[in-house]
PDB file of all heavy atoms in Angstrom:
ATOM      1  N   THR A   1       6.245 -18.647   5.394  1.00  0.00           N
ATOM      2  CA  THR A   1       7.233 -18.687   4.290  1.00  0.00           C
ATOM      3  C   THR A   1       8.149 -19.879   4.377  1.00  0.00           C
ATOM      4  O   THR A   1       9.065 -20.038   3.560  1.00  0.00           O
ATOM      5  CB  THR A   1       8.084 -17.390   4.308  1.00  0.00           C
ATOM      6  OG1 THR A   1       8.777 -17.315   5.548  1.00  0.00           O
ATOM      7  CG2 THR A   1       7.213 -16.168   4.048  1.00  0.00           C
ATOM      8  N   THR A   2       7.958 -20.774   5.342  1.00  0.00           N
ATOM      9  CA  THR A   2       8.856 -21.912   5.529  1.00  0.00           C
ATOM     10  C   THR A   2       8.392 -23.100   4.679  1.00  0.00           C
ATOM     11  O   THR A   2       7.190 -23.230   4.332  1.00  0.00           O
ATOM     12  CB  THR A   2       8.926 -22.344   6.997  1.00  0.00           C
ATOM     13  OG1 THR A   2       7.642 -22.809   7.397  1.00  0.00           O
ATOM     14  CG2 THR A   2       9.403 -21.225   7.871  1.00  0.00           C
ATOM     15  N   GLN A   3       9.328 -23.984   4.368  1.00  0.00           N
ATOM     16  CA  GLN A   3       8.987 -25.201   3.644  1.00  0.00           C
ATOM     17  C   GLN A   3       8.042 -26.089   4.430  1.00  0.00           C
ATOM     18  O   GLN A   3       7.164 -26.736   3.881  1.00  0.00           O
ATOM     19  CB  GLN A   3      10.284 -26.005   3.316  1.00  0.00           C
ATOM     20  CG  GLN A   3      11.152 -25.317   2.306  1.00  0.00           C
ATOM     21  CD  GLN A   3      12.428 -26.110   2.065  1.00  0.00           C
ATOM     22  OE1 GLN A   3      12.697 -27.119   2.710  1.00  0.00           O
ATOM     23  NE2 GLN A   3      13.253 -25.612   1.128  1.00  0.00           N
ATOM     24  N   TRP A   4       8.234 -26.175   5.747  1.00  0.00           N
ATOM     25  CA  TRP A   4       7.377 -26.988   6.599  1.00  0.00           C
ATOM     26  C   TRP A   4       5.933 -26.545   6.469  1.00  0.00           C
ATOM     27  O   TRP A   4       5.029 -27.374   6.330  1.00  0.00           O
ATOM     28  CB  TRP A   4       7.854 -26.918   8.062  1.00  0.00           C
ATOM     29  CG  TRP A   4       6.980 -27.689   8.971  1.00  0.00           C
ATOM     30  CD1 TRP A   4       7.065 -29.048   9.232  1.00  0.00           C
ATOM     31  CD2 TRP A   4       5.940 -27.198   9.781  1.00  0.00           C
ATOM     32  NE1 TRP A   4       6.081 -29.402  10.130  1.00  0.00           N
ATOM     33  CE2 TRP A   4       5.379 -28.283  10.491  1.00  0.00           C
ATOM     34  CE3 TRP A   4       5.355 -25.936   9.960  1.00  0.00           C
ATOM     35  CZ2 TRP A   4       4.338 -28.149  11.376  1.00  0.00           C
ATOM     36  CZ3 TRP A   4       4.308 -25.827  10.855  1.00  0.00           C
ATOM     37  CH2 TRP A   4       3.789 -26.893  11.553  1.00  0.00           C
ATOM     38  N   PHE A   5       5.670 -25.266   6.534  1.00  0.00           N
ATOM     39  CA  PHE A   5       4.320 -24.722   6.467  1.00  0.00           C
ATOM     40  C   PHE A   5       3.697 -25.116   5.103  1.00  0.00           C
ATOM     41  O   PHE A   5       2.558 -25.553   5.027  1.00  0.00           O
ATOM     42  CB  PHE A   5       4.313 -23.217   6.644  1.00  0.00           C
ATOM     43  CG  PHE A   5       2.956 -22.581   6.615  1.00  0.00           C
ATOM     44  CD1 PHE A   5       2.196 -22.522   7.781  1.00  0.00           C
ATOM     45  CD2 PHE A   5       2.450 -22.022   5.457  1.00  0.00           C
ATOM     46  CE1 PHE A   5       0.947 -21.938   7.778  1.00  0.00           C
ATOM     47  CE2 PHE A   5       1.203 -21.455   5.434  1.00  0.00           C
ATOM     48  CZ  PHE A   5       0.449 -21.395   6.600  1.00  0.00           C
ATOM     49  N   ASN A   6       4.432 -24.914   4.050  1.00  0.00           N
ATOM     50  CA  ASN A   6       3.940 -25.204   2.698  1.00  0.00           C
ATOM     51  C   ASN A   6       3.729 -26.722   2.465  1.00  0.00           C
ATOM     52  O   ASN A   6       2.826 -27.136   1.767  1.00  0.00           O
ATOM     53  CB  ASN A   6       4.861 -24.626   1.637  1.00  0.00           C
ATOM     54  CG  ASN A   6       4.882 -23.138   1.697  1.00  0.00           C
ATOM     55  OD1 ASN A   6       3.919 -22.478   2.049  1.00  0.00           O
ATOM     56  ND2 ASN A   6       6.028 -22.529   1.390  1.00  0.00           N
ATOM     57  N   SER A   7       4.595 -27.536   3.073  1.00  0.00           N
ATOM     58  CA  SER A   7       4.506 -29.005   2.859  1.00  0.00           C
ATOM     59  C   SER A   7       3.349 -29.603   3.652  1.00  0.00           C
ATOM     60  O   SER A   7       2.764 -30.579   3.242  1.00  0.00           O
ATOM     61  CB  SER A   7       5.817 -29.680   3.190  1.00  0.00           C
ATOM     62  OG  SER A   7       6.066 -29.596   4.600  1.00  0.00           O
ATOM     63  N   THR A   8       3.038 -29.072   4.858  1.00  0.00           N
ATOM     64  CA  THR A   8       1.969 -29.632   5.627  1.00  0.00           C
ATOM     65  C   THR A   8       0.589 -29.299   5.058  1.00  0.00           C
ATOM     66  O   THR A   8      -0.314 -30.079   5.132  1.00  0.00           O
ATOM     67  CB  THR A   8       2.009 -29.172   7.109  1.00  0.00           C
ATOM     68  OG1 THR A   8       1.933 -27.758   7.141  1.00  0.00           O
ATOM     69  CG2 THR A   8       3.254 -29.683   7.784  1.00  0.00           C
ATOM     70  N   GLY A   9       0.455 -28.089   4.522  1.00  0.00           N
ATOM     71  CA  GLY A   9      -0.789 -27.694   3.860  1.00  0.00           C
ATOM     72  C   GLY A   9      -1.990 -27.571   4.823  1.00  0.00           C
ATOM     73  O   GLY A   9      -3.095 -27.490   4.357  1.00  0.00           O
ATOM     74  N   ASN A  10      -1.762 -27.572   6.118  1.00  0.00           N
ATOM     75  CA  ASN A  10      -2.867 -27.469   7.050  1.00  0.00           C
ATOM     76  C   ASN A  10      -3.035 -26.084   7.670  1.00  0.00           C
ATOM     77  O   ASN A  10      -3.753 -25.898   8.618  1.00  0.00           O
ATOM     78  CB  ASN A  10      -2.756 -28.537   8.161  1.00  0.00           C
ATOM     79  CG  ASN A  10      -1.515 -28.390   8.980  1.00  0.00           C
ATOM     80  OD1 ASN A  10      -0.724 -27.465   8.798  1.00  0.00           O
ATOM     81  ND2 ASN A  10      -1.288 -29.304   9.906  1.00  0.00           N
ATOM     82  N   ASN A  11      -2.330 -25.121   7.091  1.00  0.00           N
ATOM     83  CA  ASN A  11      -2.467 -23.707   7.509  1.00  0.00           C
ATOM     84  C   ASN A  11      -2.285 -23.529   9.002  1.00  0.00           C
ATOM     85  O   ASN A  11      -3.056 -22.860   9.658  1.00  0.00           O
ATOM     86  CB  ASN A  11      -3.814 -23.175   7.043  1.00  0.00           C
ATOM     87  CG  ASN A  11      -3.826 -21.651   6.947  1.00  0.00           C
ATOM     88  OD1 ASN A  11      -2.790 -21.053   6.706  1.00  0.00           O
ATOM     89  ND2 ASN A  11      -4.959 -21.043   7.164  1.00  0.00           N
ATOM     90  N   SER A  12      -1.225 -24.158   9.565  1.00  0.00           N
ATOM     91  CA  SER A  12      -0.974 -24.037  10.977  1.00  0.00           C
ATOM     92  C   SER A  12       0.530 -23.928  11.230  1.00  0.00           C
ATOM     93  O   SER A  12       1.351 -24.199  10.372  1.00  0.00           O
ATOM     94  CB  SER A  12      -1.564 -25.230  11.766  1.00  0.00           C
ATOM     95  OG  SER A  12      -0.873 -26.387  11.377  1.00  0.00           O
ATOM     96  N   VAL A  13       0.837 -23.501  12.439  1.00  0.00           N
ATOM     97  CA  VAL A  13       2.212 -23.383  12.882  1.00  0.00           C
ATOM     98  C   VAL A  13       2.493 -24.529  13.880  1.00  0.00           C
ATOM     99  O   VAL A  13       1.562 -25.200  14.326  1.00  0.00           O
ATOM    100  CB  VAL A  13       2.456 -21.998  13.522  1.00  0.00           C
ATOM    101  CG1 VAL A  13       2.302 -20.894  12.500  1.00  0.00           C
ATOM    102  CG2 VAL A  13       1.555 -21.784  14.719  1.00  0.00           C
ATOM    103  N   PRO A  14       3.738 -24.766  14.263  1.00  0.00           N
ATOM    104  CA  PRO A  14       4.043 -25.831  15.207  1.00  0.00           C
ATOM    105  C   PRO A  14       3.307 -25.637  16.554  1.00  0.00           C
ATOM    106  O   PRO A  14       3.017 -24.521  16.948  1.00  0.00           O
ATOM    107  CB  PRO A  14       5.549 -25.766  15.401  1.00  0.00           C
ATOM    108  CG  PRO A  14       6.037 -25.098  14.160  1.00  0.00           C
ATOM    109  CD  PRO A  14       4.958 -24.134  13.743  1.00  0.00           C
ATOM    110  N   GLN A  15       3.079 -26.725  17.257  1.00  0.00           N
ATOM    111  CA  GLN A  15       2.385 -26.697  18.544  1.00  0.00           C
ATOM    112  C   GLN A  15       3.150 -25.875  19.585  1.00  0.00           C
ATOM    113  O   GLN A  15       2.581 -25.344  20.526  1.00  0.00           O
ATOM    114  CB  GLN A  15       2.196 -28.117  19.088  1.00  0.00           C
ATOM    115  CG  GLN A  15       1.193 -28.914  18.252  1.00  0.00           C
ATOM    116  CD  GLN A  15      -0.226 -28.451  18.469  1.00  0.00           C
ATOM    117  OE1 GLN A  15      -0.614 -28.109  19.583  1.00  0.00           O
ATOM    118  NE2 GLN A  15      -1.007 -28.448  17.401  1.00  0.00           N
ATOM    119  N   SER A  16       4.466 -25.758  19.359  1.00  0.00           N
ATOM    120  CA  SER A  16       5.289 -24.996  20.334  1.00  0.00           C
ATOM    121  C   SER A  16       4.953 -23.503  20.275  1.00  0.00           C
ATOM    122  O   SER A  16       5.375 -22.779  21.176  1.00  0.00           O
ATOM    123  CB  SER A  16       6.760 -25.210  20.065  1.00  0.00           C
ATOM    124  OG  SER A  16       7.108 -24.811  18.774  1.00  0.00           O
ATOM    125  N   CYS A  17       4.213 -23.067  19.294  1.00  0.00           N
ATOM    126  CA  CYS A  17       3.778 -21.657  19.198  1.00  0.00           C
ATOM    127  C   CYS A  17       2.596 -21.354  20.091  1.00  0.00           C
ATOM    128  O   CYS A  17       2.274 -20.219  20.328  1.00  0.00           O
ATOM    129  CB  CYS A  17       3.425 -21.299  17.762  1.00  0.00           C
ATOM    130  SG  CYS A  17       4.840 -20.995  16.702  1.00  0.00           S
ATOM    131  N   CYS A  18       1.894 -22.416  20.527  1.00  0.00           N
ATOM    132  CA  CYS A  18       0.682 -22.200  21.332  1.00  0.00           C
ATOM    133  C   CYS A  18       1.023 -21.647  22.684  1.00  0.00           C
ATOM    134  O   CYS A  18       2.019 -22.011  23.307  1.00  0.00           O
ATOM    135  CB  CYS A  18      -0.036 -23.545  21.494  1.00  0.00           C
ATOM    136  SG  CYS A  18      -0.725 -24.170  19.955  1.00  0.00           S
ATOM    137  N   GLN A  19       0.134 -20.757  23.170  1.00  0.00           N
ATOM    138  CA  GLN A  19       0.287 -20.241  24.527  1.00  0.00           C
ATOM    139  C   GLN A  19       0.036 -21.360  25.541  1.00  0.00           C
ATOM    140  O   GLN A  19      -0.770 -22.239  25.287  1.00  0.00           O
ATOM    141  CB  GLN A  19      -0.715 -19.100  24.753  1.00  0.00           C
ATOM    142  CG  GLN A  19      -0.434 -17.857  23.979  1.00  0.00           C
ATOM    143  CD  GLN A  19      -1.442 -16.773  24.255  1.00  0.00           C
ATOM    144  OE1 GLN A  19      -2.193 -16.836  25.227  1.00  0.00           O
ATOM    145  NE2 GLN A  19      -1.429 -15.754  23.441  1.00  0.00           N
ATOM    146  N   GLN A  20       0.693 -21.297  26.649  1.00  0.00           N
ATOM    147  CA  GLN A  20       0.547 -22.339  27.648  1.00  0.00           C
ATOM    148  C   GLN A  20      -0.858 -22.405  28.215  1.00  0.00           C
ATOM    149  O   GLN A  20      -1.365 -23.448  28.579  1.00  0.00           O
ATOM    150  CB  GLN A  20       1.532 -22.169  28.784  1.00  0.00           C
ATOM    151  CG  GLN A  20       2.965 -22.395  28.344  1.00  0.00           C
ATOM    152  CD  GLN A  20       3.971 -22.151  29.444  1.00  0.00           C
ATOM    153  OE1 GLN A  20       3.679 -21.514  30.460  1.00  0.00           O
ATOM    154  NE2 GLN A  20       5.180 -22.643  29.263  1.00  0.00           N
ATOM    155  N   GLU A  21      -1.537 -21.248  28.260  1.00  0.00           N
ATOM    156  CA  GLU A  21      -2.902 -21.187  28.800  1.00  0.00           C
ATOM    157  C   GLU A  21      -3.934 -21.770  27.851  1.00  0.00           C
ATOM    158  O   GLU A  21      -5.007 -22.153  28.238  1.00  0.00           O
ATOM    159  CB  GLU A  21      -3.299 -19.738  29.136  1.00  0.00           C
ATOM    160  CG  GLU A  21      -2.386 -19.060  30.133  1.00  0.00           C
ATOM    161  CD  GLU A  21      -1.172 -18.431  29.442  1.00  0.00           C
ATOM    162  OE1 GLU A  21      -1.239 -17.993  28.300  1.00  0.00           O
ATOM    163  OE2 GLU A  21      -0.120 -18.423  30.101  1.00  0.00           O
ATOM    164  N   ALA A  22      -3.589 -21.802  26.564  1.00  0.00           N
ATOM    165  CA  ALA A  22      -4.542 -22.269  25.519  1.00  0.00           C
ATOM    166  C   ALA A  22      -4.593 -23.803  25.580  1.00  0.00           C
ATOM    167  O   ALA A  22      -3.631 -24.459  25.177  1.00  0.00           O
ATOM    168  CB  ALA A  22      -4.129 -21.771  24.146  1.00  0.00           C
ATOM    169  N   LYS A  23      -5.666 -24.330  26.058  1.00  0.00           N
ATOM    170  CA  LYS A  23      -5.787 -25.739  26.266  1.00  0.00           C
ATOM    171  C   LYS A  23      -6.006 -26.538  24.951  1.00  0.00           C
ATOM    172  O   LYS A  23      -5.474 -27.613  24.779  1.00  0.00           O
ATOM    173  CB  LYS A  23      -6.916 -26.070  27.247  1.00  0.00           C
ATOM    174  CG  LYS A  23      -6.744 -25.355  28.574  1.00  0.00           C
ATOM    175  CD  LYS A  23      -6.668 -26.372  29.715  1.00  0.00           C
ATOM    176  CE  LYS A  23      -6.668 -25.694  31.054  1.00  0.00           C
ATOM    177  NZ  LYS A  23      -5.412 -25.077  31.396  1.00  0.00           N
ATOM    178  N   ASN A  24      -6.806 -26.036  24.052  1.00  0.00           N
ATOM    179  CA  ASN A  24      -7.171 -26.752  22.828  1.00  0.00           C
ATOM    180  C   ASN A  24      -6.510 -26.110  21.607  1.00  0.00           C
ATOM    181  O   ASN A  24      -7.066 -26.138  20.518  1.00  0.00           O
ATOM    182  CB  ASN A  24      -8.697 -26.778  22.641  1.00  0.00           C
ATOM    183  CG  ASN A  24      -9.352 -27.522  23.781  1.00  0.00           C
ATOM    184  OD1 ASN A  24      -8.829 -28.490  24.285  1.00  0.00           O
ATOM    185  ND2 ASN A  24     -10.540 -27.058  24.208  1.00  0.00           N
TER     186      ASN A  24
END
Protein backbone atom coordinates (compact mmCIF):
# COMPACT_ATOMS: atom_id res chain seq x y z
CA THR A 1 0.00 0.00 0.00
CA THR A 2 3.03 2.32 0.00
CA GLN A 3 3.93 4.83 -2.69
CA TRP A 4 7.38 3.26 -3.04
CA PHE A 5 5.90 -0.15 -3.88
CA ASN A 6 3.54 1.35 -6.46
CA SER A 7 6.23 3.58 -8.00
CA THR A 8 8.83 0.80 -8.43
CA GLY A 9 6.37 -1.53 -10.15
CA ASN A 10 8.63 -4.55 -9.59
CA ASN A 11 6.33 -6.28 -7.09
CA SER A 12 8.98 -6.41 -4.38
CA VAL A 13 9.74 -5.07 -0.92
CA PRO A 14 13.01 -3.43 0.23
CA GLN A 15 16.08 -5.64 0.58
CA SER A 16 16.03 -5.00 4.32
CA CYS A 17 13.01 -7.31 4.51
CA CYS A 18 15.09 -10.30 3.41
CA GLN A 19 16.06 -12.90 5.98
CA GLN A 20 19.77 -12.95 6.76
CA GLU A 21 19.99 -16.62 5.80
CA ALA A 22 18.46 -16.00 2.36
CA LYS A 23 21.48 -15.53 0.12
CA ASN A 24 19.75 -14.70 -3.19
